[in-house]
Structure formats: C-alpha cells, structure tokens
Amino acid sequence: MRVWLLFWVLLLGFFTSVKAQEKCRWVESEAFLNPTIPDSLSILGETIRVTDRNGESYDFKYELSTNKLQVIFENEPRPDSLLLCYRTFSIRFDQPIAHRTLLTDYDSTAQFKDNRMSELPAFDFREELFPTTNLYKSGSLTRGISFGNTQNVFGRRYSREPENPRKHH
C-alpha cells in the first residue's frame, strides 16, 4: 500500500514538475554552508544546479524528506554568491498536510454507539405450529384464492341422465 501511495505521489509530482518553470536566483554562498531550506515547496532533486559567476558547478547534498540543501565546498576558495537553479513540486513533502487536527475538531461529547440493527432470529417454518405428541406432520399450510367452477367431490354422483325423483319403469 505504501509503495503504491509513493508511486502515485511521485507520478503526480513528475507531471506537475514538467509544467513548472525553472527558478533561478542568486544566493550568498555562506547561507548554504549548513543545510538550509531554499524554497517553500519541495524541490525536484534532479533539476538542482549550483554554479558561480564563472559557470563552475558545485556539488551539493539535498534531502527531500527535510527539504534542505547544502552546498559542498571542497578546498577551493568559496565564491561570495552562487546561482541556484531548480524546479519544484507543487506540494511540500517534509510537512504533514492536514486540514483538521484532533485538538480543534475532537468532540468529547460525541456518543459513539453501534447503531446497527441487531439481527432478529428468523422464524423457522419447520418448528411445530400445532404441538402434538405422536403425529407425523408434513406438507404446508397455505391460503389462497381460487377462480372458476367449484365442484363438490363429496356431493352427489353425476350421471349422464338427470335424476328424477319419480322413476318411470
């Protein structure tokens, strides 16, 4: 997860830094003898150039995690000013980005209750509706509406000839 997050942040930084223009300014060389923050935004390390008036380049050490740059002067005479050129990311990586803090947004009176509905036990239709001792039950209880012709099974017997109370023999 952290690898993916770092990948997307760097990818975002790459695309925003492509649009960014290079910033160049003259700085005193004594200001960068110790690690110093050169800009309010994080700097893209590959774009840093430190040169003097004669165009001679100087080595440097830049840490993205602290946003600090230090120019390394070897046993050479140190110039009075340096031309520092670089491109920046659109955000700063050495500071946390938070719009809320627990100190200001924490509500000590909030009630953290579990408001989820508890699951009610489902009615099992296999349970006995009418308890009896030695009766085996199977089937289902249903209710419905029927349409059409109803015929009585236990009624009189039907024949092709209508029944006549007076029989003629």
C-alpha atoms as a PDB file:
ATOM      1  CA  MET A   1       0.000   0.000   0.000  1.00  0.00           C
ATOM      2  CA  ARG A   2       2.797   2.411   0.873  1.00  0.00           C
ATOM      3  CA  VAL A   3       4.595   1.579  -2.333  1.00  0.00           C
ATOM      4  CA  TRP A   4       1.507   2.426  -4.394  1.00  0.00           C
ATOM      5  CA  LEU A   5       0.984   5.649  -2.471  1.00  0.00           C
ATOM      6  CA  LEU A   6       4.603   6.660  -3.022  1.00  0.00           C
ATOM      7  CA  PHE A   7       4.313   5.721  -6.695  1.00  0.00           C
ATOM      8  CA  TRP A   8       1.238   7.943  -7.221  1.00  0.00           C
ATOM      9  CA  VAL A   9       2.752  10.853  -5.288  1.00  0.00           C
ATOM     10  CA  LEU A  10       5.931  10.695  -7.343  1.00  0.00           C
ATOM     11  CA  LEU A  11       3.950  10.322 -10.555  1.00  0.00           C
ATOM     12  CA  LEU A  12       1.839  13.341  -9.615  1.00  0.00           C
ATOM     13  CA  GLY A  13       4.988  15.254  -8.762  1.00  0.00           C
ATOM     14  CA  PHE A  14       6.571  14.310 -12.049  1.00  0.00           C
ATOM     15  CA  PHE A  15       3.651  15.559 -14.114  1.00  0.00           C
ATOM     16  CA  THR A  16       3.321  18.780 -12.159  1.00  0.00           C
ATOM     17  CA  SER A  17       7.066  19.393 -12.279  1.00  0.00           C
ATOM     18  CA  VAL A  18       7.085  19.028 -16.060  1.00  0.00           C
ATOM     19  CA  LYS A  19       4.867  22.104 -16.297  1.00  0.00           C
ATOM     20  CA  ALA A  20       6.879  24.033 -13.708  1.00  0.00           C
ATOM     21  CA  GLN A  21       9.366  26.573 -14.866  1.00  0.00           C
ATOM     22  CA  GLU A  22      12.889  26.605 -13.584  1.00  0.00           C
ATOM     23  CA  LYS A  23      13.548  29.075 -10.776  1.00  0.00           C
ATOM     24  CA  CYS A  24      16.963  30.717 -10.678  1.00  0.00           C
ATOM     25  CA  ARG A  25      18.225  33.149  -8.068  1.00  0.00           C
ATOM     26  CA  TRP A  26      21.466  34.444  -6.701  1.00  0.00           C
ATOM     27  CA  VAL A  27      22.194  33.461  -3.102  1.00  0.00           C
ATOM     28  CA  GLU A  28      25.054  34.081  -0.697  1.00  0.00           C
ATOM     29  CA  SER A  29      27.338  31.059  -0.536  1.00  0.00           C
ATOM     30  CA  GLU A  30      27.614  31.320   3.276  1.00  0.00           C
ATOM     31  CA  ALA A  31      23.852  30.664   3.583  1.00  0.00           C
ATOM     32  CA  PHE A  32      24.321  27.136   2.237  1.00  0.00           C
ATOM     33  CA  LEU A  33      27.378  26.047   4.244  1.00  0.00           C
ATOM     34  CA  ASN A  34      24.914  24.310   6.583  1.00  0.00           C
ATOM     35  CA  PRO A  35      21.718  22.575   5.409  1.00  0.00           C
ATOM     36  CA  THR A  36      19.181  25.294   4.538  1.00  0.00           C
ATOM     37  CA  ILE A  37      15.657  25.308   3.148  1.00  0.00           C
ATOM     38  CA  PRO A  38      15.945  27.009  -0.263  1.00  0.00           C
ATOM     39  CA  ASP A  39      12.232  27.223  -1.156  1.00  0.00           C
ATOM     40  CA  SER A  40       8.809  26.913   0.444  1.00  0.00           C
ATOM     41  CA  LEU A  41       7.995  23.945  -1.838  1.00  0.00           C
ATOM     42  CA  SER A  42       9.870  20.664  -2.182  1.00  0.00           C
ATOM     43  CA  ILE A  43      12.498  20.685  -4.881  1.00  0.00           C
ATOM     44  CA  LEU A  44      12.903  18.116  -7.612  1.00  0.00           C
ATOM     45  CA  GLY A  45      16.434  16.918  -6.799  1.00  0.00           C
ATOM     46  CA  GLU A  46      17.464  16.102 -10.381  1.00  0.00           C
ATOM     47  CA  THR A  47      16.898  19.686 -11.512  1.00  0.00           C
ATOM     48  CA  ILE A  48      19.167  21.449  -8.990  1.00  0.00           C
ATOM     49  CA  ARG A  49      22.143  23.332 -10.454  1.00  0.00           C
ATOM     50  CA  VAL A  50      24.590  25.323  -8.349  1.00  0.00           C
ATOM     51  CA  THR A  51      27.074  27.479 -10.280  1.00  0.00           C
ATOM     52  CA  ASP A  52      29.153  30.614  -9.669  1.00  0.00           C
ATOM     53  CA  ARG A  53      29.713  33.708 -11.847  1.00  0.00           C
ATOM     54  CA  ASN A  54      32.296  31.861 -13.939  1.00  0.00           C
ATOM     55  CA  GLY A  55      29.923  28.949 -14.665  1.00  0.00           C
ATOM     56  CA  GLU A  56      31.783  26.489 -12.416  1.00  0.00           C
ATOM     57  CA  SER A  57      29.445  23.868 -10.893  1.00  0.00           C
ATOM     58  CA  TYR A  58      29.473  22.890  -7.223  1.00  0.00           C
ATOM     59  CA  ASP A  59      28.456  19.654  -5.580  1.00  0.00           C
ATOM     60  CA  PHE A  60      25.550  19.695  -3.171  1.00  0.00           C
ATOM     61  CA  LYS A  61      23.530  17.467  -0.902  1.00  0.00           C
ATOM     62  CA  TYR A  62      19.715  17.694  -0.948  1.00  0.00           C
ATOM     63  CA  GLU A  63      17.318  15.718   1.256  1.00  0.00           C
ATOM     64  CA  LEU A  64      13.729  15.575   0.074  1.00  0.00           C
ATOM     65  CA  SER A  65      12.484  14.430   3.497  1.00  0.00           C
ATOM     66  CA  THR A  66      13.718  17.618   5.174  1.00  0.00           C
ATOM     67  CA  ASN A  67      13.714  19.937   2.131  1.00  0.00           C
ATOM     68  CA  LYS A  68      17.233  21.097   2.999  1.00  0.00           C
ATOM     69  CA  LEU A  69      20.071  21.869   0.611  1.00  0.00           C
ATOM     70  CA  GLN A  70      23.751  22.093   1.477  1.00  0.00           C
ATOM     71  CA  VAL A  71      26.448  23.154  -0.981  1.00  0.00           C
ATOM     72  CA  ILE A  72      29.702  21.242  -0.571  1.00  0.00           C
ATOM     73  CA  PHE A  73      32.798  23.390  -0.913  1.00  0.00           C
ATOM     74  CA  GLU A  74      35.958  21.398  -1.088  1.00  0.00           C
ATOM     75  CA  ASN A  75      39.346  23.016  -0.534  1.00  0.00           C
ATOM     76  CA  GLU A  76      38.554  25.601  -3.188  1.00  0.00           C
ATOM     77  CA  PRO A  77      38.137  29.270  -2.455  1.00  0.00           C
ATOM     78  CA  ARG A  78      34.488  29.913  -1.780  1.00  0.00           C
ATOM     79  CA  PRO A  79      32.728  32.453  -4.037  1.00  0.00           C
ATOM     80  CA  ASP A  80      30.680  35.197  -2.453  1.00  0.00           C
ATOM     81  CA  SER A  81      27.462  34.287  -4.343  1.00  0.00           C
ATOM     82  CA  LEU A  82      26.039  31.331  -6.214  1.00  0.00           C
ATOM     83  CA  LEU A  83      23.394  30.921  -8.898  1.00  0.00           C
ATOM     84  CA  LEU A  84      20.890  28.359  -7.603  1.00  0.00           C
ATOM     85  CA  CYS A  85      18.508  26.941 -10.242  1.00  0.00           C
ATOM     86  CA  TYR A  86      15.844  24.294  -9.603  1.00  0.00           C
ATOM     87  CA  ARG A  87      12.278  23.148 -10.260  1.00  0.00           C
ATOM     88  CA  THR A  88       9.757  22.488  -7.502  1.00  0.00           C
ATOM     89  CA  PHE A  89       6.963  20.053  -6.825  1.00  0.00           C
ATOM     90  CA  SER A  90       3.512  21.557  -6.309  1.00  0.00           C
ATOM     91  CA  ILE A  91       3.447  20.370  -2.671  1.00  0.00           C
ATOM     92  CA  ARG A  92       5.836  20.083   0.218  1.00  0.00           C
ATOM     93  CA  PHE A  93       6.827  16.560   1.274  1.00  0.00           C
ATOM     94  CA  ASP A  94       8.526  17.356   4.567  1.00  0.00           C
ATOM     95  CA  GLN A  95       5.391  18.733   6.244  1.00  0.00           C
ATOM     96  CA  PRO A  96       2.163  16.894   7.007  1.00  0.00           C
ATOM     97  CA  ILE A  97      -0.863  18.017   5.055  1.00  0.00           C
ATOM     98  CA  ALA A  98      -3.844  18.166   7.388  1.00  0.00           C
ATOM     99  CA  HIS A  99      -6.803  20.473   7.379  1.00  0.00           C
ATOM    100  CA  ARG A 100      -8.104  19.159  10.693  1.00  0.00           C
ATOM    101  CA  THR A 101      -6.462  18.348  13.958  1.00  0.00           C
ATOM    102  CA  LEU A 102      -7.712  16.328  16.883  1.00  0.00           C
ATOM    103  CA  LEU A 103      -7.201  19.265  19.238  1.00  0.00           C
ATOM    104  CA  THR A 104      -9.616  21.514  17.359  1.00  0.00           C
ATOM    105  CA  ASP A 105     -12.060  19.043  15.806  1.00  0.00           C
ATOM    106  CA  TYR A 106     -12.424  16.409  18.500  1.00  0.00           C
ATOM    107  CA  ASP A 107     -15.873  16.330  20.068  1.00  0.00           C
ATOM    108  CA  SER A 108     -15.644  14.881  23.553  1.00  0.00           C
ATOM    109  CA  THR A 109     -19.442  14.784  23.900  1.00  0.00           C
ATOM    110  CA  ALA A 110     -19.984  12.617  20.841  1.00  0.00           C
ATOM    111  CA  GLN A 111     -21.669   9.329  21.554  1.00  0.00           C
ATOM    112  CA  PHE A 112     -20.102   6.503  19.660  1.00  0.00           C
ATOM    113  CA  LYS A 113     -22.854   3.911  19.664  1.00  0.00           C
ATOM    114  CA  ASP A 114     -23.267   0.916  17.485  1.00  0.00           C
ATOM    115  CA  ASN A 115     -26.478   1.854  15.701  1.00  0.00           C
ATOM    116  CA  ARG A 116     -26.623  -1.208  13.516  1.00  0.00           C
ATOM    117  CA  MET A 117     -29.809  -3.238  13.782  1.00  0.00           C
ATOM    118  CA  SER A 118     -29.338  -6.485  15.595  1.00  0.00           C
ATOM    119  CA  GLU A 119     -30.384  -9.437  13.514  1.00  0.00           C
ATOM    120  CA  LEU A 120     -33.693 -10.858  14.631  1.00  0.00           C
ATOM    121  CA  PRO A 121     -33.948 -14.628  14.744  1.00  0.00           C
ATOM    122  CA  ALA A 122     -35.748 -15.830  11.645  1.00  0.00           C
ATOM    123  CA  PHE A 123     -38.882 -17.891  12.122  1.00  0.00           C
ATOM    124  CA  ASP A 124     -38.177 -21.478  11.222  1.00  0.00           C
ATOM    125  CA  PHE A 125     -41.207 -22.934   9.486  1.00  0.00           C
ATOM    126  CA  ARG A 126     -40.123 -26.427  10.447  1.00  0.00           C
ATOM    127  CA  GLU A 127     -40.981 -25.671  14.035  1.00  0.00           C
ATOM    128  CA  GLU A 128     -44.242 -27.032  15.349  1.00  0.00           C
ATOM    129  CA  LEU A 129     -47.187 -24.738  14.875  1.00  0.00           C
ATOM    130  CA  PHE A 130     -49.596 -27.163  16.470  1.00  0.00           C
ATOM    131  CA  PRO A 131     -47.750 -29.274  19.028  1.00  0.00           C
ATOM    132  CA  THR A 132     -48.840 -32.888  19.189  1.00  0.00           C
ATOM    133  CA  THR A 133     -47.180 -35.919  20.663  1.00  0.00           C
ATOM    134  CA  ASN A 134     -47.218 -38.832  18.231  1.00  0.00           C
ATOM    135  CA  LEU A 135     -48.354 -37.314  14.990  1.00  0.00           C
ATOM    136  CA  TYR A 136     -46.132 -37.164  11.968  1.00  0.00           C
ATOM    137  CA  LYS A 137     -46.650 -33.947  10.027  1.00  0.00           C
ATOM    138  CA  SER A 138     -45.508 -32.923   6.600  1.00  0.00           C
ATOM    139  CA  GLY A 139     -46.740 -30.516   3.996  1.00  0.00           C
ATOM    140  CA  SER A 140     -47.547 -26.880   4.200  1.00  0.00           C
ATOM    141  CA  LEU A 141     -50.265 -24.577   5.326  1.00  0.00           C
ATOM    142  CA  THR A 142     -51.427 -22.367   2.518  1.00  0.00           C
ATOM    143  CA  ARG A 143     -54.064 -19.874   1.845  1.00  0.00           C
ATOM    144  CA  GLY A 144     -55.226 -18.671  -1.492  1.00  0.00           C
ATOM    145  CA  ILE A 145     -57.978 -17.558  -3.800  1.00  0.00           C
ATOM    146  CA  SER A 146     -59.400 -19.744  -6.496  1.00  0.00           C
ATOM    147  CA  PHE A 147     -61.401 -18.691  -9.516  1.00  0.00           C
ATOM    148  CA  GLY A 148     -63.680 -20.646 -11.733  1.00  0.00           C
ATOM    149  CA  ASN A 149     -66.086 -23.553 -11.312  1.00  0.00           C
ATOM    150  CA  THR A 150     -66.008 -25.322  -7.958  1.00  0.00           C
ATOM    151  CA  GLN A 151     -67.157 -28.907  -7.823  1.00  0.00           C
ATOM    152  CA  ASN A 152     -68.028 -30.769  -4.719  1.00  0.00           C
ATOM    153  CA  VAL A 153     -66.184 -34.076  -4.588  1.00  0.00           C
ATOM    154  CA  PHE A 154     -68.297 -35.492  -1.810  1.00  0.00           C
ATOM    155  CA  GLY A 155     -71.605 -34.411  -3.265  1.00  0.00           C
ATOM    156  CA  ARG A 156     -73.963 -36.456  -5.347  1.00  0.00           C
ATOM    157  CA  ARG A 157     -72.861 -38.684  -8.141  1.00  0.00           C
ATOM    158  CA  TYR A 158     -73.259 -37.355 -11.592  1.00  0.00           C
ATOM    159  CA  SER A 159     -74.520 -39.392 -14.437  1.00  0.00           C
ATOM    160  CA  ARG A 160     -75.442 -38.609 -17.974  1.00  0.00           C
ATOM    161  CA  GLU A 161     -79.106 -38.848 -17.241  1.00  0.00           C
ATOM    162  CA  PRO A 162     -80.602 -36.367 -14.872  1.00  0.00           C
ATOM    163  CA  GLU A 163     -82.075 -37.857 -11.723  1.00  0.00           C
ATOM    164  CA  ASN A 164     -85.762 -37.839 -11.465  1.00  0.00           C
ATOM    165  CA  PRO A 165     -87.472 -38.286  -8.142  1.00  0.00           C
ATOM    166  CA  ARG A 166     -90.254 -40.180  -9.872  1.00  0.00           C
ATOM    167  CA  LYS A 167     -88.908 -43.092 -11.625  1.00  0.00           C
ATOM    168  CA  HIS A 168     -90.753 -44.460 -14.616  1.00  0.00           C
ATOM    169  CA  HIS A 169     -90.045 -48.099 -15.252  1.00  0.00           C
END
